[in-house]
Amino acid sequence: MSQCKDIKAHLTAGHSLTALEALQRFGCFRLAARINDLRAEGMKIGTRMIEENGKVYAQYYLTPFTLEFSP
């Protein structure tokens, strides 16, 4: 499976993902670029900034779907 497919499946399963987790699980050194690719495909991916031990990093997650109704 490609990195994008692996990451998409991981997020779709309801899990979040950080750069370190992506490197460990999928061998992905450029998670932000893969997230950008998935967003370009139409996935609604949110970003949460986490601060731990004086360091800040991004955690990505799939945002809930919103239904739009037209009258």
PDB file of N, CA and C in Angstrom:
ATOM      1  N   MET A   1       0.842  -1.180   0.000  1.00  0.00           N
ATOM      2  CA  MET A   1       0.000   0.000   0.000  1.00  0.00           C
ATOM      3  C   MET A   1       0.888   1.246   0.000  1.00  0.00           C
ATOM      4  N   SER A   2       0.417   2.315  -0.625  1.00  0.00           N
ATOM      5  CA  SER A   2       1.180   3.556  -0.625  1.00  0.00           C
ATOM      6  C   SER A   2       1.002   4.272   0.714  1.00  0.00           C
ATOM      7  N   GLN A   3       1.868   5.210   0.982  1.00  0.00           N
ATOM      8  CA  GLN A   3       1.777   5.956   2.241  1.00  0.00           C
ATOM      9  C   GLN A   3       0.443   6.679   2.349  1.00  0.00           C
ATOM     10  N   CYS A   4      -0.017   7.281   1.271  1.00  0.00           N
ATOM     11  CA  CYS A   4      -1.300   7.998   1.319  1.00  0.00           C
ATOM     12  C   CYS A   4      -2.442   7.040   1.650  1.00  0.00           C
ATOM     13  N   LYS A   5      -2.442   5.870   1.040  1.00  0.00           N
ATOM     14  CA  LYS A   5      -3.499   4.894   1.316  1.00  0.00           C
ATOM     15  C   LYS A   5      -3.431   4.416   2.758  1.00  0.00           C
ATOM     16  N   ASP A   6      -2.217   4.178   3.260  1.00  0.00           N
ATOM     17  CA  ASP A   6      -2.045   3.744   4.650  1.00  0.00           C
ATOM     18  C   ASP A   6      -2.541   4.812   5.616  1.00  0.00           C
ATOM     19  N   ILE A   7      -2.168   6.053   5.370  1.00  0.00           N
ATOM     20  CA  ILE A   7      -2.558   7.161   6.246  1.00  0.00           C
ATOM     21  C   ILE A   7      -4.061   7.384   6.172  1.00  0.00           C
ATOM     22  N   LYS A   8      -4.620   7.322   4.965  1.00  0.00           N
ATOM     23  CA  LYS A   8      -6.060   7.483   4.789  1.00  0.00           C
ATOM     24  C   LYS A   8      -6.822   6.409   5.561  1.00  0.00           C
ATOM     25  N   ALA A   9      -6.384   5.166   5.468  1.00  0.00           N
ATOM     26  CA  ALA A   9      -7.035   4.072   6.187  1.00  0.00           C
ATOM     27  C   ALA A   9      -6.929   4.274   7.697  1.00  0.00           C
ATOM     28  N   HIS A  10      -5.787   4.729   8.157  1.00  0.00           N
ATOM     29  CA  HIS A  10      -5.566   4.961   9.584  1.00  0.00           C
ATOM     30  C   HIS A  10      -6.509   6.049  10.109  1.00  0.00           C
ATOM     31  N   LEU A  11      -6.595   7.159   9.375  1.00  0.00           N
ATOM     32  CA  LEU A  11      -7.461   8.267   9.798  1.00  0.00           C
ATOM     33  C   LEU A  11      -8.936   7.878   9.692  1.00  0.00           C
ATOM     34  N   THR A  12      -9.293   7.166   8.637  1.00  0.00           N
ATOM     35  CA  THR A  12     -10.680   6.749   8.428  1.00  0.00           C
ATOM     36  C   THR A  12     -11.143   5.794   9.525  1.00  0.00           C
ATOM     37  N   ALA A  13     -10.214   5.043  10.091  1.00  0.00           N
ATOM     38  CA  ALA A  13     -10.543   4.124  11.191  1.00  0.00           C
ATOM     39  C   ALA A  13     -10.777   4.864  12.505  1.00  0.00           C
ATOM     40  N   GLY A  14     -10.617   6.189  12.486  1.00  0.00           N
ATOM     41  CA  GLY A  14     -10.895   6.986  13.681  1.00  0.00           C
ATOM     42  C   GLY A  14      -9.681   7.321  14.520  1.00  0.00           C
ATOM     43  N   HIS A  15      -8.482   7.021  14.011  1.00  0.00           N
ATOM     44  CA  HIS A  15      -7.252   7.289  14.750  1.00  0.00           C
ATOM     45  C   HIS A  15      -6.679   8.640  14.349  1.00  0.00           C
ATOM     46  N   SER A  16      -5.920   9.242  15.256  1.00  0.00           N
ATOM     47  CA  SER A  16      -5.170  10.447  14.929  1.00  0.00           C
ATOM     48  C   SER A  16      -3.751  10.026  14.567  1.00  0.00           C
ATOM     49  N   LEU A  17      -2.939  10.978  14.091  1.00  0.00           N
ATOM     50  CA  LEU A  17      -1.602  10.624  13.639  1.00  0.00           C
ATOM     51  C   LEU A  17      -0.664  11.819  13.794  1.00  0.00           C
ATOM     52  N   THR A  18       0.516  11.567  14.348  1.00  0.00           N
ATOM     53  CA  THR A  18       1.576  12.575  14.429  1.00  0.00           C
ATOM     54  C   THR A  18       2.700  12.168  13.489  1.00  0.00           C
ATOM     55  N   ALA A  19       3.641  13.071  13.269  1.00  0.00           N
ATOM     56  CA  ALA A  19       4.763  12.782  12.378  1.00  0.00           C
ATOM     57  C   ALA A  19       5.592  11.609  12.897  1.00  0.00           C
ATOM     58  N   LEU A  20       5.814  11.542  14.195  1.00  0.00           N
ATOM     59  CA  LEU A  20       6.597  10.448  14.755  1.00  0.00           C
ATOM     60  C   LEU A  20       5.878   9.107  14.580  1.00  0.00           C
ATOM     61  N   GLU A  21       4.562   9.097  14.796  1.00  0.00           N
ATOM     62  CA  GLU A  21       3.775   7.876  14.590  1.00  0.00           C
ATOM     63  C   GLU A  21       3.795   7.454  13.122  1.00  0.00           C
ATOM     64  N   ALA A  22       3.699   8.429  12.212  1.00  0.00           N
ATOM     65  CA  ALA A  22       3.717   8.124  10.777  1.00  0.00           C
ATOM     66  C   ALA A  22       5.060   7.529  10.369  1.00  0.00           C
ATOM     67  N   LEU A  23       6.130   8.027  10.946  1.00  0.00           N
ATOM     68  CA  LEU A  23       7.456   7.488  10.652  1.00  0.00           C
ATOM     69  C   LEU A  23       7.567   6.054  11.164  1.00  0.00           C
ATOM     70  N   GLN A  24       7.106   5.817  12.381  1.00  0.00           N
ATOM     71  CA  GLN A  24       7.194   4.484  12.972  1.00  0.00           C
ATOM     72  C   GLN A  24       6.283   3.472  12.269  1.00  0.00           C
ATOM     73  N   ARG A  25       5.054   3.868  11.957  1.00  0.00           N
ATOM     74  CA  ARG A  25       4.070   2.941  11.384  1.00  0.00           C
ATOM     75  C   ARG A  25       4.229   2.731   9.881  1.00  0.00           C
ATOM     76  N   PHE A  26       4.483   3.835   9.161  1.00  0.00           N
ATOM     77  CA  PHE A  26       4.434   3.777   7.703  1.00  0.00           C
ATOM     78  C   PHE A  26       5.745   4.153   7.010  1.00  0.00           C
ATOM     79  N   GLY A  27       6.766   4.511   7.777  1.00  0.00           N
ATOM     80  CA  GLY A  27       8.032   4.932   7.175  1.00  0.00           C
ATOM     81  C   GLY A  27       7.910   6.250   6.438  1.00  0.00           C
ATOM     82  N   CYS A  28       6.983   7.084   6.875  1.00  0.00           N
ATOM     83  CA  CYS A  28       6.693   8.358   6.209  1.00  0.00           C
ATOM     84  C   CYS A  28       7.443   9.494   6.900  1.00  0.00           C
ATOM     85  N   PHE A  29       8.405  10.083   6.189  1.00  0.00           N
ATOM     86  CA  PHE A  29       9.180  11.189   6.729  1.00  0.00           C
ATOM     87  C   PHE A  29       8.486  12.536   6.529  1.00  0.00           C
ATOM     88  N   ARG A  30       7.526  12.614   5.607  1.00  0.00           N
ATOM     89  CA  ARG A  30       6.900  13.895   5.263  1.00  0.00           C
ATOM     90  C   ARG A  30       5.382  13.808   5.428  1.00  0.00           C
ATOM     91  N   LEU A  31       4.937  13.639   6.668  1.00  0.00           N
ATOM     92  CA  LEU A  31       3.504  13.492   6.926  1.00  0.00           C
ATOM     93  C   LEU A  31       2.721  14.712   6.464  1.00  0.00           C
ATOM     94  N   ALA A  32       3.225  15.910   6.709  1.00  0.00           N
ATOM     95  CA  ALA A  32       2.493  17.124   6.314  1.00  0.00           C
ATOM     96  C   ALA A  32       2.225  17.139   4.808  1.00  0.00           C
ATOM     97  N   ALA A  33       3.173  16.671   4.019  1.00  0.00           N
ATOM     98  CA  ALA A  33       2.988  16.619   2.562  1.00  0.00           C
ATOM     99  C   ALA A  33       1.920  15.597   2.190  1.00  0.00           C
ATOM    100  N   ARG A  34       1.930  14.438   2.858  1.00  0.00           N
ATOM    101  CA  ARG A  34       0.907  13.422   2.576  1.00  0.00           C
ATOM    102  C   ARG A  34      -0.468  13.915   3.012  1.00  0.00           C
ATOM    103  N   ILE A  35      -0.560  14.626   4.131  1.00  0.00           N
ATOM    104  CA  ILE A  35      -1.830  15.208   4.585  1.00  0.00           C
ATOM    105  C   ILE A  35      -2.322  16.207   3.543  1.00  0.00           C
ATOM    106  N   ASN A  36      -1.404  17.004   2.998  1.00  0.00           N
ATOM    107  CA  ASN A  36      -1.768  17.961   1.952  1.00  0.00           C
ATOM    108  C   ASN A  36      -2.313  17.235   0.723  1.00  0.00           C
ATOM    109  N   ASP A  37      -1.698  16.126   0.350  1.00  0.00           N
ATOM    110  CA  ASP A  37      -2.180  15.322  -0.789  1.00  0.00           C
ATOM    111  C   ASP A  37      -3.605  14.830  -0.524  1.00  0.00           C
ATOM    112  N   LEU A  38      -3.847  14.326   0.686  1.00  0.00           N
ATOM    113  CA  LEU A  38      -5.177  13.808   1.025  1.00  0.00           C
ATOM    114  C   LEU A  38      -6.222  14.923   1.074  1.00  0.00           C
ATOM    115  N   ARG A  39      -5.828  16.082   1.557  1.00  0.00           N
ATOM    116  CA  ARG A  39      -6.751  17.230   1.560  1.00  0.00           C
ATOM    117  C   ARG A  39      -7.092  17.638   0.131  1.00  0.00           C
ATOM    118  N   ALA A  40      -6.116  17.568  -0.763  1.00  0.00           N
ATOM    119  CA  ALA A  40      -6.348  17.904  -2.171  1.00  0.00           C
ATOM    120  C   ALA A  40      -7.332  16.924  -2.812  1.00  0.00           C
ATOM    121  N   GLU A  41      -7.387  15.689  -2.278  1.00  0.00           N
ATOM    122  CA  GLU A  41      -8.352  14.693  -2.758  1.00  0.00           C
ATOM    123  C   GLU A  41      -9.738  14.914  -2.159  1.00  0.00           C
ATOM    124  N   GLY A  42      -9.846  15.854  -1.226  1.00  0.00           N
ATOM    125  CA  GLY A  42     -11.147  16.166  -0.645  1.00  0.00           C
ATOM    126  C   GLY A  42     -11.368  15.685   0.779  1.00  0.00           C
ATOM    127  N   MET A  43     -10.379  15.050   1.381  1.00  0.00           N
ATOM    128  CA  MET A  43     -10.544  14.614   2.771  1.00  0.00           C
ATOM    129  C   MET A  43     -10.531  15.816   3.703  1.00  0.00           C
ATOM    130  N   LYS A  44     -11.412  15.794   4.680  1.00  0.00           N
ATOM    131  CA  LYS A  44     -11.497  16.864   5.677  1.00  0.00           C
ATOM    132  C   LYS A  44     -10.650  16.445   6.881  1.00  0.00           C
ATOM    133  N   ILE A  45      -9.419  16.940   6.931  1.00  0.00           N
ATOM    134  CA  ILE A  45      -8.479  16.561   7.974  1.00  0.00           C
ATOM    135  C   ILE A  45      -8.190  17.777   8.835  1.00  0.00           C
ATOM    136  N   GLY A  46      -8.385  17.618  10.137  1.00  0.00           N
ATOM    137  CA  GLY A  46      -8.114  18.692  11.087  1.00  0.00           C
ATOM    138  C   GLY A  46      -6.713  18.567  11.648  1.00  0.00           C
ATOM    139  N   THR A  47      -6.213  19.680  12.181  1.00  0.00           N
ATOM    140  CA  THR A  47      -4.886  19.724  12.793  1.00  0.00           C
ATOM    141  C   THR A  47      -5.017  20.248  14.213  1.00  0.00           C
ATOM    142  N   ARG A  48      -4.420  19.526  15.131  1.00  0.00           N
ATOM    143  CA  ARG A  48      -4.391  19.944  16.535  1.00  0.00           C
ATOM    144  C   ARG A  48      -2.919  20.100  16.905  1.00  0.00           C
ATOM    145  N   MET A  49      -2.537  21.267  17.439  1.00  0.00           N
ATOM    146  CA  MET A  49      -1.157  21.483  17.865  1.00  0.00           C
ATOM    147  C   MET A  49      -1.016  21.035  19.321  1.00  0.00           C
ATOM    148  N   ILE A  50      -0.049  20.175  19.578  1.00  0.00           N
ATOM    149  CA  ILE A  50       0.196  19.608  20.900  1.00  0.00           C
ATOM    150  C   ILE A  50       1.513  20.167  21.427  1.00  0.00           C
ATOM    151  N   GLU A  51       1.525  20.576  22.696  1.00  0.00           N
ATOM    152  CA  GLU A  51       2.762  21.040  23.322  1.00  0.00           C
ATOM    153  C   GLU A  51       3.112  20.101  24.466  1.00  0.00           C
ATOM    154  N   GLU A  52       4.299  19.522  24.393  1.00  0.00           N
ATOM    155  CA  GLU A  52       4.802  18.630  25.437  1.00  0.00           C
ATOM    156  C   GLU A  52       6.278  18.898  25.661  1.00  0.00           C
ATOM    157  N   ASN A  53       6.660  19.043  26.903  1.00  0.00           N
ATOM    158  CA  ASN A  53       8.075  19.223  27.261  1.00  0.00           C
ATOM    159  C   ASN A  53       8.735  20.345  26.466  1.00  0.00           C
ATOM    160  N   GLY A  54       8.008  21.438  26.269  1.00  0.00           N
ATOM    161  CA  GLY A  54       8.556  22.586  25.554  1.00  0.00           C
ATOM    162  C   GLY A  54       8.624  22.422  24.047  1.00  0.00           C
ATOM    163  N   LYS A  55       8.081  21.339  23.513  1.00  0.00           N
ATOM    164  CA  LYS A  55       8.081  21.110  22.064  1.00  0.00           C
ATOM    165  C   LYS A  55       6.645  21.119  21.555  1.00  0.00           C
ATOM    166  N   VAL A  56       6.461  21.604  20.348  1.00  0.00           N
ATOM    167  CA  VAL A  56       5.134  21.676  19.737  1.00  0.00           C
ATOM    168  C   VAL A  56       5.142  20.830  18.462  1.00  0.00           C
ATOM    169  N   TYR A  57       4.101  20.014  18.290  1.00  0.00           N
ATOM    170  CA  TYR A  57       3.982  19.193  17.089  1.00  0.00           C
ATOM    171  C   TYR A  57       2.516  19.069  16.705  1.00  0.00           C
ATOM    172  N   ALA A  58       2.288  18.702  15.451  1.00  0.00           N
ATOM    173  CA  ALA A  58       0.928  18.599  14.910  1.00  0.00           C
ATOM    174  C   ALA A  58       0.401  17.182  15.055  1.00  0.00           C
ATOM    175  N   GLN A  59      -0.879  17.103  15.361  1.00  0.00           N
ATOM    176  CA  GLN A  59      -1.595  15.830  15.384  1.00  0.00           C
ATOM    177  C   GLN A  59      -2.755  15.976  14.399  1.00  0.00           C
ATOM    178  N   TYR A  60      -2.853  15.069  13.448  1.00  0.00           N
ATOM    179  CA  TYR A  60      -3.880  15.132  12.413  1.00  0.00           C
ATOM    180  C   TYR A  60      -4.989  14.136  12.711  1.00  0.00           C
ATOM    181  N   TYR A  61      -6.207  14.499  12.357  1.00  0.00           N
ATOM    182  CA  TYR A  61      -7.369  13.648  12.591  1.00  0.00           C
ATOM    183  C   TYR A  61      -8.421  13.955  11.531  1.00  0.00           C
ATOM    184  N   LEU A  62      -9.291  13.003  11.302  1.00  0.00           N
ATOM    185  CA  LEU A  62     -10.376  13.182  10.346  1.00  0.00           C
ATOM    186  C   LEU A  62     -11.497  13.943  11.029  1.00  0.00           C
ATOM    187  N   THR A  63     -11.936  15.034  10.420  1.00  0.00           N
ATOM    188  CA  THR A  63     -13.008  15.827  11.014  1.00  0.00           C
ATOM    189  C   THR A  63     -14.347  15.170  10.718  1.00  0.00           C
ATOM    190  N   PRO A  64     -15.315  15.368  11.609  1.00  0.00           N
ATOM    191  CA  PRO A  64     -16.644  14.780  11.371  1.00  0.00           C
ATOM    192  C   PRO A  64     -17.254  15.341  10.091  1.00  0.00           C
ATOM    193  N   PHE A  65     -17.992  14.502   9.421  1.00  0.00           N
ATOM    194  CA  PHE A  65     -18.662  14.934   8.197  1.00  0.00           C
ATOM    195  C   PHE A  65     -19.829  15.836   8.538  1.00  0.00           C
ATOM    196  N   THR A  66     -20.052  16.859   7.713  1.00  0.00           N
ATOM    197  CA  THR A  66     -21.211  17.714   7.885  1.00  0.00           C
ATOM    198  C   THR A  66     -22.105  17.533   6.674  1.00  0.00           C
ATOM    199  N   LEU A  67     -23.361  17.394   6.921  1.00  0.00           N
ATOM    200  CA  LEU A  67     -24.320  17.230   5.839  1.00  0.00           C
ATOM    201  C   LEU A  67     -24.902  18.583   5.460  1.00  0.00           C
ATOM    202  N   GLU A  68     -24.946  18.853   4.182  1.00  0.00           N
ATOM    203  CA  GLU A  68     -25.526  20.099   3.713  1.00  0.00           C
ATOM    204  C   GLU A  68     -26.823  19.775   2.979  1.00  0.00           C
ATOM    205  N   PHE A  69     -27.852  20.454   3.355  1.00  0.00           N
ATOM    206  CA  PHE A  69     -29.159  20.250   2.724  1.00  0.00           C
ATOM    207  C   PHE A  69     -29.506  21.464   1.899  1.00  0.00           C
ATOM    208  N   SER A  70     -29.991  21.235   0.683  1.00  0.00           N
ATOM    209  CA  SER A  70     -30.478  22.347  -0.119  1.00  0.00           C
ATOM    210  C   SER A  70     -31.999  22.343  -0.105  1.00  0.00           C
ATOM    211  N   PRO A  71     -32.555  23.511  -0.047  1.00  0.00           N
ATOM    212  CA  PRO A  71     -34.023  23.592   0.007  1.00  0.00           C
ATOM    213  C   PRO A  71     -34.681  23.173  -1.294  1.00  0.00           C
TER     214      PRO A  71
END
